[in-house]
Amino acid sequence: MRRRSHHPLAVLALASTLLLTGCGGTVSSTNGDDVESVVGRWSSDEKGEPHLNFTEDGKVGGSDGCNGIGTTYEQDGSTVTLTRFATTLKACMGVDTWLREARHLEIDGETMTVMNGDHEEIGTLTRD
């Protein structure tokens, strides 16, 4: 009778642990410094609760409080650039849709400064 080894299960558990350990809350900038990762949900208490949710695979989903937002991002240190930006275009009374103009983001701790394509500040979000 052949004895079954638990070795493959142990290897899988170790690999999973190492993979999860590598998904921490920091990324490296181009100069090698560790900086805060953008991954996670960022939001505002404004009417409509605008928010963005960043995933580890470079995708962003969210809402400006009225319209759905879908895009991708690239992070270099504390600077994040949104690319291939798409949004719905519903008209919502009383909701400021500033977030759909977001193109550049700057992370400082738990605060994200949101800027338009001209690098002008248009608002802020905080990490949830």
N, C-alpha and C. Protein backbone atom coordinates (compact mmCIF):
# COMPACT_ATOMS: atom_id res chain seq x y z
N MET A 1 0.84 -1.17 0.00
CA MET A 1 0.00 0.00 0.00
C MET A 1 0.89 1.24 0.00
N ARG A 2 0.55 2.16 -0.83
CA ARG A 2 1.33 3.38 -0.95
C ARG A 2 0.85 4.41 0.06
N ARG A 3 1.77 5.00 0.74
CA ARG A 3 1.46 6.00 1.76
C ARG A 3 1.35 7.37 1.10
N ARG A 4 0.32 8.08 1.41
CA ARG A 4 0.09 9.40 0.82
C ARG A 4 0.84 10.47 1.61
N SER A 5 1.52 11.33 0.91
CA SER A 5 2.30 12.39 1.53
C SER A 5 1.49 13.68 1.57
N HIS A 6 1.66 14.44 2.64
CA HIS A 6 1.01 15.74 2.76
C HIS A 6 1.93 16.84 2.24
N HIS A 7 3.04 16.44 1.68
CA HIS A 7 4.02 17.40 1.20
C HIS A 7 3.44 18.40 0.20
N PRO A 8 2.69 17.99 -0.83
CA PRO A 8 2.15 18.97 -1.77
C PRO A 8 1.24 20.00 -1.09
N LEU A 9 0.50 19.59 -0.10
CA LEU A 9 -0.37 20.52 0.62
C LEU A 9 0.46 21.54 1.40
N ALA A 10 1.55 21.09 2.00
CA ALA A 10 2.42 22.00 2.74
C ALA A 10 3.06 23.01 1.80
N VAL A 11 3.48 22.55 0.62
CA VAL A 11 4.07 23.45 -0.36
C VAL A 11 3.05 24.50 -0.80
N LEU A 12 1.81 24.07 -1.04
CA LEU A 12 0.75 25.00 -1.43
C LEU A 12 0.49 26.03 -0.34
N ALA A 13 0.45 25.60 0.91
CA ALA A 13 0.23 26.52 2.03
C ALA A 13 1.36 27.53 2.13
N LEU A 14 2.59 27.08 1.99
CA LEU A 14 3.74 27.98 2.05
C LEU A 14 3.71 28.98 0.90
N ALA A 15 3.42 28.51 -0.31
CA ALA A 15 3.36 29.40 -1.47
C ALA A 15 2.27 30.45 -1.29
N SER A 16 1.12 30.05 -0.77
CA SER A 16 0.03 31.00 -0.53
C SER A 16 0.43 32.05 0.48
N THR A 17 1.11 31.63 1.54
CA THR A 17 1.55 32.57 2.56
C THR A 17 2.54 33.57 1.98
N LEU A 18 3.49 33.10 1.20
CA LEU A 18 4.47 33.99 0.59
C LEU A 18 3.81 34.96 -0.38
N LEU A 19 2.82 34.47 -1.14
CA LEU A 19 2.11 35.34 -2.07
C LEU A 19 1.37 36.43 -1.33
N LEU A 20 0.67 36.08 -0.26
CA LEU A 20 -0.08 37.07 0.50
C LEU A 20 0.85 38.05 1.21
N THR A 21 1.99 37.57 1.66
CA THR A 21 2.95 38.46 2.29
C THR A 21 3.45 39.50 1.30
N GLY A 22 3.58 39.14 0.05
CA GLY A 22 4.02 40.07 -0.98
C GLY A 22 2.99 41.11 -1.34
N CYS A 23 1.75 40.97 -0.87
CA CYS A 23 0.68 41.91 -1.20
C CYS A 23 0.46 42.90 -0.08
N GLY A 24 1.52 43.40 0.51
CA GLY A 24 1.41 44.33 1.62
C GLY A 24 0.92 45.69 1.18
N GLY A 25 0.98 46.64 2.10
CA GLY A 25 0.44 47.96 1.85
C GLY A 25 1.43 48.95 1.28
N THR A 26 2.58 48.49 0.80
CA THR A 26 3.54 49.44 0.22
C THR A 26 3.96 48.97 -1.16
N VAL A 27 4.41 49.91 -1.96
CA VAL A 27 5.01 49.64 -3.26
C VAL A 27 6.31 50.42 -3.31
N SER A 28 7.15 50.10 -4.26
CA SER A 28 8.41 50.82 -4.39
C SER A 28 8.30 51.89 -5.46
N SER A 29 8.90 53.02 -5.19
CA SER A 29 8.94 54.09 -6.19
C SER A 29 10.12 53.83 -7.11
N THR A 30 10.27 54.66 -8.13
CA THR A 30 11.37 54.48 -9.07
C THR A 30 12.73 54.66 -8.41
N ASN A 31 12.79 55.37 -7.27
CA ASN A 31 14.07 55.52 -6.58
C ASN A 31 14.28 54.45 -5.51
N GLY A 32 13.34 53.47 -5.44
CA GLY A 32 13.50 52.35 -4.53
C GLY A 32 12.88 52.53 -3.17
N ASP A 33 12.35 53.71 -2.85
CA ASP A 33 11.72 53.93 -1.55
C ASP A 33 10.36 53.26 -1.49
N ASP A 34 10.00 52.73 -0.32
CA ASP A 34 8.66 52.17 -0.12
C ASP A 34 7.68 53.31 0.11
N VAL A 35 6.55 53.26 -0.58
CA VAL A 35 5.50 54.26 -0.42
C VAL A 35 4.16 53.54 -0.27
N GLU A 36 3.16 54.27 0.17
CA GLU A 36 1.84 53.71 0.41
C GLU A 36 1.20 53.23 -0.90
N SER A 37 0.64 52.02 -0.88
CA SER A 37 -0.06 51.48 -2.04
C SER A 37 -1.43 52.14 -2.17
N VAL A 38 -1.87 52.34 -3.39
CA VAL A 38 -3.18 52.93 -3.65
C VAL A 38 -4.30 51.89 -3.52
N VAL A 39 -3.95 50.60 -3.49
CA VAL A 39 -4.95 49.54 -3.48
C VAL A 39 -5.91 49.70 -2.30
N GLY A 40 -7.20 49.61 -2.61
CA GLY A 40 -8.24 49.74 -1.60
C GLY A 40 -9.29 50.75 -2.02
N ARG A 41 -10.18 51.05 -1.08
CA ARG A 41 -11.29 51.98 -1.37
C ARG A 41 -10.99 53.35 -0.79
N TRP A 42 -11.23 54.38 -1.59
CA TRP A 42 -11.04 55.78 -1.22
C TRP A 42 -12.37 56.48 -1.45
N SER A 43 -12.81 57.32 -0.51
CA SER A 43 -14.14 57.92 -0.66
C SER A 43 -14.22 59.31 -0.06
N SER A 44 -15.38 59.93 -0.28
CA SER A 44 -15.70 61.25 0.24
C SER A 44 -17.09 61.19 0.87
N ASP A 45 -17.34 62.04 1.86
CA ASP A 45 -18.65 62.10 2.49
C ASP A 45 -19.61 63.03 1.75
N GLU A 46 -19.19 63.56 0.62
CA GLU A 46 -20.04 64.47 -0.15
C GLU A 46 -21.31 63.76 -0.61
N LYS A 47 -22.31 64.54 -1.02
CA LYS A 47 -23.57 63.99 -1.52
C LYS A 47 -23.29 62.99 -2.64
N GLY A 48 -23.91 61.85 -2.58
CA GLY A 48 -23.70 60.79 -3.56
C GLY A 48 -22.57 59.85 -3.20
N GLU A 49 -21.79 60.21 -2.18
CA GLU A 49 -20.65 59.41 -1.70
C GLU A 49 -19.70 58.98 -2.82
N PRO A 50 -19.06 59.94 -3.49
CA PRO A 50 -18.10 59.58 -4.54
C PRO A 50 -16.99 58.70 -3.97
N HIS A 51 -16.54 57.74 -4.77
CA HIS A 51 -15.50 56.82 -4.30
C HIS A 51 -14.79 56.16 -5.49
N LEU A 52 -13.60 55.67 -5.21
CA LEU A 52 -12.83 54.88 -6.16
C LEU A 52 -12.29 53.66 -5.43
N ASN A 53 -12.33 52.51 -6.10
CA ASN A 53 -11.80 51.27 -5.53
C ASN A 53 -10.69 50.75 -6.45
N PHE A 54 -9.47 50.72 -5.93
CA PHE A 54 -8.29 50.31 -6.69
C PHE A 54 -7.96 48.86 -6.37
N THR A 55 -7.77 48.04 -7.41
CA THR A 55 -7.41 46.64 -7.21
C THR A 55 -5.93 46.42 -7.53
N GLU A 56 -5.41 45.31 -7.08
CA GLU A 56 -3.99 45.00 -7.28
C GLU A 56 -3.63 44.79 -8.74
N ASP A 57 -4.62 44.46 -9.58
CA ASP A 57 -4.33 44.20 -10.99
C ASP A 57 -4.41 45.45 -11.87
N GLY A 58 -4.40 46.64 -11.25
CA GLY A 58 -4.34 47.88 -12.01
C GLY A 58 -5.68 48.42 -12.48
N LYS A 59 -6.77 47.94 -11.91
CA LYS A 59 -8.10 48.41 -12.31
C LYS A 59 -8.71 49.29 -11.23
N VAL A 60 -9.60 50.19 -11.69
CA VAL A 60 -10.30 51.10 -10.79
C VAL A 60 -11.78 51.08 -11.16
N GLY A 61 -12.62 50.98 -10.15
CA GLY A 61 -14.06 51.13 -10.34
C GLY A 61 -14.57 52.09 -9.30
N GLY A 62 -15.71 52.70 -9.55
CA GLY A 62 -16.25 53.60 -8.55
C GLY A 62 -17.40 54.41 -9.07
N SER A 63 -17.64 55.52 -8.41
CA SER A 63 -18.75 56.40 -8.76
C SER A 63 -18.38 57.83 -8.37
N ASP A 64 -18.84 58.78 -9.17
CA ASP A 64 -18.65 60.19 -8.81
C ASP A 64 -19.81 60.70 -7.97
N GLY A 65 -20.66 59.78 -7.54
CA GLY A 65 -21.86 60.12 -6.78
C GLY A 65 -23.10 60.05 -7.64
N CYS A 66 -22.90 59.92 -8.93
CA CYS A 66 -23.99 59.85 -9.90
C CYS A 66 -23.66 58.83 -10.99
N ASN A 67 -22.50 58.95 -11.57
CA ASN A 67 -22.08 58.13 -12.71
C ASN A 67 -21.06 57.08 -12.30
N GLY A 68 -21.16 55.91 -12.93
CA GLY A 68 -20.17 54.87 -12.72
C GLY A 68 -18.87 55.23 -13.41
N ILE A 69 -17.76 54.84 -12.80
CA ILE A 69 -16.43 55.11 -13.32
C ILE A 69 -15.68 53.79 -13.48
N GLY A 70 -15.01 53.64 -14.60
CA GLY A 70 -14.15 52.48 -14.83
C GLY A 70 -12.88 52.93 -15.52
N THR A 71 -11.75 52.50 -15.02
CA THR A 71 -10.48 52.92 -15.60
C THR A 71 -9.38 51.97 -15.16
N THR A 72 -8.19 52.25 -15.57
CA THR A 72 -7.00 51.54 -15.10
C THR A 72 -6.05 52.59 -14.54
N TYR A 73 -5.03 52.12 -13.81
CA TYR A 73 -4.10 53.07 -13.21
C TYR A 73 -2.68 52.54 -13.24
N GLU A 74 -1.75 53.48 -13.11
CA GLU A 74 -0.34 53.17 -12.94
C GLU A 74 0.14 53.97 -11.74
N GLN A 75 0.88 53.31 -10.84
CA GLN A 75 1.40 53.99 -9.66
C GLN A 75 2.91 54.06 -9.72
N ASP A 76 3.44 55.26 -9.48
CA ASP A 76 4.88 55.47 -9.38
C ASP A 76 5.12 56.26 -8.10
N GLY A 77 5.51 55.57 -7.06
CA GLY A 77 5.67 56.21 -5.76
C GLY A 77 4.32 56.66 -5.24
N SER A 78 4.23 57.90 -4.81
CA SER A 78 2.96 58.41 -4.27
C SER A 78 2.07 59.01 -5.35
N THR A 79 2.52 58.95 -6.61
CA THR A 79 1.75 59.51 -7.73
C THR A 79 1.05 58.39 -8.49
N VAL A 80 -0.23 58.62 -8.77
CA VAL A 80 -1.05 57.65 -9.50
C VAL A 80 -1.63 58.35 -10.73
N THR A 81 -1.54 57.69 -11.88
CA THR A 81 -2.12 58.23 -13.11
C THR A 81 -3.23 57.30 -13.57
N LEU A 82 -4.39 57.89 -13.86
CA LEU A 82 -5.52 57.12 -14.37
C LEU A 82 -5.44 57.10 -15.89
N THR A 83 -5.69 55.93 -16.48
CA THR A 83 -5.61 55.76 -17.92
C THR A 83 -6.89 55.12 -18.44
N ARG A 84 -7.16 55.27 -19.71
CA ARG A 84 -8.35 54.66 -20.35
C ARG A 84 -9.62 54.93 -19.55
N PHE A 85 -9.86 56.17 -19.23
CA PHE A 85 -10.97 56.58 -18.37
C PHE A 85 -12.30 56.45 -19.09
N ALA A 86 -13.29 55.82 -18.43
CA ALA A 86 -14.64 55.69 -18.97
C ALA A 86 -15.64 55.98 -17.86
N THR A 87 -16.74 56.62 -18.21
CA THR A 87 -17.77 56.93 -17.23
C THR A 87 -19.12 57.00 -17.92
N THR A 88 -20.16 56.71 -17.16
CA THR A 88 -21.50 56.94 -17.68
C THR A 88 -21.78 58.43 -17.63
N LEU A 89 -22.81 58.88 -18.30
CA LEU A 89 -23.09 60.32 -18.37
C LEU A 89 -24.53 60.64 -17.99
N LYS A 90 -24.97 60.14 -16.84
CA LYS A 90 -26.30 60.47 -16.35
C LYS A 90 -26.30 61.89 -15.79
N ALA A 91 -27.45 62.52 -15.83
CA ALA A 91 -27.60 63.85 -15.22
C ALA A 91 -28.24 63.66 -13.85
N CYS A 92 -27.55 64.08 -12.81
CA CYS A 92 -28.05 63.94 -11.45
C CYS A 92 -28.14 65.31 -10.80
N MET A 93 -29.31 65.66 -10.35
CA MET A 93 -29.53 66.96 -9.73
C MET A 93 -28.84 67.03 -8.37
N GLY A 94 -28.12 68.10 -8.12
CA GLY A 94 -27.53 68.34 -6.81
C GLY A 94 -26.28 67.54 -6.49
N VAL A 95 -25.73 66.82 -7.45
CA VAL A 95 -24.52 66.03 -7.21
C VAL A 95 -23.38 66.64 -8.02
N ASP A 96 -22.29 66.97 -7.34
CA ASP A 96 -21.10 67.50 -8.00
C ASP A 96 -20.31 66.33 -8.57
N THR A 97 -20.18 66.28 -9.86
CA THR A 97 -19.54 65.14 -10.52
C THR A 97 -18.05 65.38 -10.82
N TRP A 98 -17.36 66.08 -9.92
CA TRP A 98 -15.95 66.43 -10.09
C TRP A 98 -15.05 65.22 -10.28
N LEU A 99 -15.40 64.09 -9.68
CA LEU A 99 -14.50 62.93 -9.70
C LEU A 99 -14.31 62.37 -11.10
N ARG A 100 -15.28 62.58 -11.99
CA ARG A 100 -15.11 62.05 -13.35
C ARG A 100 -14.03 62.79 -14.13
N GLU A 101 -13.55 63.93 -13.60
CA GLU A 101 -12.46 64.68 -14.23
C GLU A 101 -11.09 64.23 -13.73
N ALA A 102 -11.05 63.28 -12.81
CA ALA A 102 -9.79 62.82 -12.20
C ALA A 102 -8.87 62.19 -13.24
N ARG A 103 -7.61 62.60 -13.23
CA ARG A 103 -6.60 62.00 -14.10
C ARG A 103 -5.29 61.72 -13.36
N HIS A 104 -5.00 62.52 -12.34
CA HIS A 104 -3.76 62.36 -11.58
C HIS A 104 -4.11 62.39 -10.10
N LEU A 105 -3.45 61.54 -9.33
CA LEU A 105 -3.72 61.43 -7.90
C LEU A 105 -2.40 61.48 -7.14
N GLU A 106 -2.44 62.05 -5.97
CA GLU A 106 -1.26 62.12 -5.10
C GLU A 106 -1.66 61.58 -3.74
N ILE A 107 -0.93 60.58 -3.24
CA ILE A 107 -1.24 59.95 -1.96
C ILE A 107 -0.33 60.52 -0.88
N ASP A 108 -0.94 60.93 0.23
CA ASP A 108 -0.20 61.39 1.40
C ASP A 108 -0.87 60.77 2.62
N GLY A 109 -0.35 59.63 3.05
CA GLY A 109 -0.95 58.90 4.17
C GLY A 109 -2.33 58.39 3.80
N GLU A 110 -3.34 58.84 4.53
CA GLU A 110 -4.71 58.39 4.30
C GLU A 110 -5.50 59.35 3.42
N THR A 111 -4.82 60.34 2.84
CA THR A 111 -5.49 61.33 1.99
C THR A 111 -5.00 61.23 0.55
N MET A 112 -5.94 61.26 -0.37
CA MET A 112 -5.64 61.25 -1.80
C MET A 112 -6.08 62.59 -2.38
N THR A 113 -5.16 63.33 -2.94
CA THR A 113 -5.49 64.57 -3.63
C THR A 113 -5.78 64.23 -5.08
N VAL A 114 -6.94 64.65 -5.55
CA VAL A 114 -7.40 64.33 -6.90
C VAL A 114 -7.18 65.56 -7.79
N MET A 115 -6.55 65.32 -8.95
CA MET A 115 -6.26 66.41 -9.88
C MET A 115 -6.80 66.08 -11.27
N ASN A 116 -7.11 67.11 -12.02
CA ASN A 116 -7.58 66.92 -13.39
C ASN A 116 -6.40 66.74 -14.34
N GLY A 117 -6.68 66.74 -15.64
CA GLY A 117 -5.63 66.54 -16.64
C GLY A 117 -4.59 67.64 -16.67
N ASP A 118 -4.91 68.82 -16.13
CA ASP A 118 -3.96 69.93 -16.06
C ASP A 118 -3.22 69.97 -14.73
N HIS A 119 -3.36 68.91 -13.93
CA HIS A 119 -2.73 68.80 -12.61
C HIS A 119 -3.25 69.84 -11.62
N GLU A 120 -4.49 70.31 -11.82
CA GLU A 120 -5.13 71.23 -10.88
C GLU A 120 -5.95 70.42 -9.89
N GLU A 121 -5.82 70.74 -8.60
CA GLU A 121 -6.57 70.02 -7.57
C GLU A 121 -8.06 70.25 -7.74
N ILE A 122 -8.83 69.14 -7.74
CA ILE A 122 -10.28 69.25 -7.87
C ILE A 122 -11.01 68.64 -6.68
N GLY A 123 -10.29 67.97 -5.79
CA GLY A 123 -10.93 67.39 -4.61
C GLY A 123 -10.01 66.44 -3.87
N THR A 124 -10.53 65.86 -2.79
CA THR A 124 -9.77 64.88 -2.02
C THR A 124 -10.66 63.70 -1.66
N LEU A 125 -10.02 62.55 -1.49
CA LEU A 125 -10.66 61.34 -1.00
C LEU A 125 -9.85 60.84 0.18
N THR A 126 -10.49 60.08 1.06
CA THR A 126 -9.76 59.46 2.17
C THR A 126 -9.90 57.95 2.09
N ARG A 127 -8.87 57.26 2.60
CA ARG A 127 -8.88 55.79 2.58
C ARG A 127 -9.92 55.27 3.56
N ASP A 128 -10.72 54.32 3.09
CA ASP A 128 -11.73 53.68 3.95
C ASP A 128 -11.08 52.65 4.85
